[in-house]
Structure formats: C-alpha cells, structure tokens
Protein backbone atom coordinates (compact mmCIF):
# COMPACT_ATOMS: atom_id res chain seq x y z
CA MET A 1 197.82 199.41 -40.04
CA ASN A 2 195.93 196.63 -38.41
CA PHE A 3 196.90 196.07 -34.77
CA MET A 4 194.43 193.24 -34.21
CA ASN A 5 196.62 190.72 -36.00
CA TYR A 6 199.84 191.88 -34.35
CA THR A 7 201.56 189.33 -32.11
CA ILE A 8 204.15 190.53 -29.65
CA HIS A 9 207.54 188.97 -29.89
CA PRO A 10 209.02 187.66 -26.58
CA VAL A 11 212.02 190.00 -26.93
CA GLU A 12 209.72 193.00 -27.35
CA PHE A 13 207.73 191.91 -24.31
CA PHE A 14 210.90 191.50 -22.25
CA VAL A 15 212.28 194.90 -23.29
CA SER A 16 209.00 196.69 -22.56
CA PHE A 17 208.74 194.85 -19.23
CA ILE A 18 212.28 195.96 -18.27
CA ILE A 19 211.46 199.56 -19.23
CA LEU A 20 208.27 199.52 -17.13
CA VAL A 21 210.09 198.03 -14.14
CA PHE A 22 212.82 200.66 -14.47
CA ILE A 23 210.28 203.52 -14.57
CA PHE A 24 208.31 202.05 -11.67
CA THR A 25 211.48 201.59 -9.60
CA CYS A 26 212.67 205.12 -10.31
CA CYS A 27 209.36 206.46 -9.02
CA LEU A 28 209.26 204.22 -5.96
CA ILE A 29 212.82 204.72 -4.68
CA PRO A 30 212.28 208.35 -3.57
CA VAL A 31 208.96 207.47 -1.94
CA ILE A 32 210.44 204.52 -0.05
CA SER A 33 213.45 206.55 1.06
CA MET A 34 211.18 209.34 2.36
CA ILE A 35 209.11 206.83 4.34
CA LEU A 36 212.20 205.15 5.81
CA ASN A 37 213.78 208.52 6.59
CA SER A 38 210.70 209.72 8.49
CA LYS A 39 210.50 206.45 10.45
CA MET A 40 214.17 206.72 11.36
CA LYS A 41 213.64 210.28 12.61
CA VAL A 42 210.75 209.13 14.80
CA MET A 43 212.79 206.23 16.19
CA PHE A 44 215.73 208.55 16.89
CA ALA A 45 213.48 211.03 18.71
CA GLU A 46 212.00 208.23 20.83
CA GLN A 47 215.49 206.97 21.69
CA LEU A 48 216.56 210.47 22.76
CA LYS A 49 213.50 210.79 25.00
CA MET A 50 214.21 207.42 26.60
CA ASN A 51 217.84 208.41 27.16
CA GLU A 52 216.67 211.62 28.87
CA ASP A 53 214.29 209.62 31.07
CA ILE A 54 217.11 207.27 32.08
CA LYS A 55 219.41 210.21 32.88
CA GLU A 56 216.66 211.73 35.01
CA LEU A 57 216.16 208.41 36.78
CA GLN A 58 219.91 208.18 37.41
CA GLU A 59 219.93 211.68 38.90
CA ILE A 60 217.00 210.90 41.19
CA THR A 61 218.16 207.48 42.37
CA GLY A 62 221.90 208.05 42.20
CA LYS A 63 222.34 204.68 40.52
CA VAL A 64 223.82 203.93 37.12
CA PHE A 65 221.63 201.85 34.84
CA ARG A 66 223.05 200.01 31.86
CA VAL A 67 219.95 199.57 29.76
CA HIS A 68 219.30 197.94 26.39
CA GLY A 69 216.37 198.66 24.06
CA HIS A 70 214.06 195.89 25.27
CA ILE A 71 214.33 196.99 28.92
CA LEU A 72 213.70 200.69 28.21
CA SER A 73 209.92 200.42 27.96
CA GLU A 74 209.84 198.39 31.17
CA LEU A 75 211.87 201.07 32.95
CA GLU A 76 209.71 203.81 31.55
CA ALA A 77 206.55 202.02 32.72
CA SER A 78 207.84 201.50 36.25
CA PHE A 79 209.52 204.90 36.59
CA LYS A 80 207.38 205.98 39.55
CA ASP A 81 207.66 202.58 41.25
CA LEU A 82 211.45 202.77 41.11
CA ILE A 83 211.45 206.23 42.68
CA VAL A 84 209.14 205.08 45.50
CA TRP A 85 211.25 201.94 46.01
CA HIS A 86 214.43 204.01 46.21
CA GLU A 87 212.88 206.41 48.72
CA GLU A 88 211.72 203.50 50.90
CA GLU A 89 215.15 201.89 50.66
CA SER A 90 216.93 205.10 51.67
CA VAL A 91 214.56 205.58 54.63
CA LEU A 92 215.22 201.99 55.77
CA ASN A 93 218.97 202.52 55.41
CA LYS A 94 218.83 205.67 57.55
CA LEU A 95 216.77 203.85 60.18
CA ASN A 96 219.26 200.98 60.19
CA GLU A 97 222.15 203.42 60.60
CA HIS A 98 220.49 204.71 63.78
CA HIS A 99 219.57 201.17 64.89
CA ILE A 100 215.85 201.86 64.75
CA ASN A 101 213.56 199.02 63.75
CA PRO A 102 210.65 200.23 61.63
CA LYS A 103 207.20 199.05 62.61
CA GLU A 104 205.67 196.71 60.04
C-alpha cells in the first residue's frame, strides 16, 4: 500500500474532523465544569463573608443597610470609618439631648 499517492476525500476529512471535535469536546467539558464549579464556590464563599460583615456592621451601628454587589467592597473598605462616624454621631446626639454644645 502506498500512502504517498493517497488524496483525502472532503467527506472523509469532514467525518474525521467531526470525530476529533467530538473527542476534544468530551475531554474538555469535565475540565471546564470543574473550573467553573470551583470559581462558583469561591464566589459563594466571598458573598457569605460579605454578608456576615454587613450583619456585623448592622449590629454595631443599629442601622439596616440594603446593599448590592458593587457597594459591598466600598462598605468593606470603609468598615472602620463607618463605626467611628456612628460613634461620633451618637455622642453628638447625646450632647444635643442635654443641650451641650461640643467644642470644635
């Protein structure tokens, strides 16, 4: 048999191409699903942590925050500033209740 003079027919090429794509896809689908699954687990864990931080902030400040995803990182970054601001606000409110003017 001489393979040097063999020319591939377009139908044979198409069938072999389809078989290769099928095999390649069957191998890639589990890998892609594992990658997506691990990323979803990480995102879910981060969301749970942010929800815990917001609950903690609500307990400390006594305020209810309705927060969406794009504001969460901003809240997390300014967590300490919000606590300080709330403490200053509560001190000023107590002073105002007793009609005391704080010195600037």
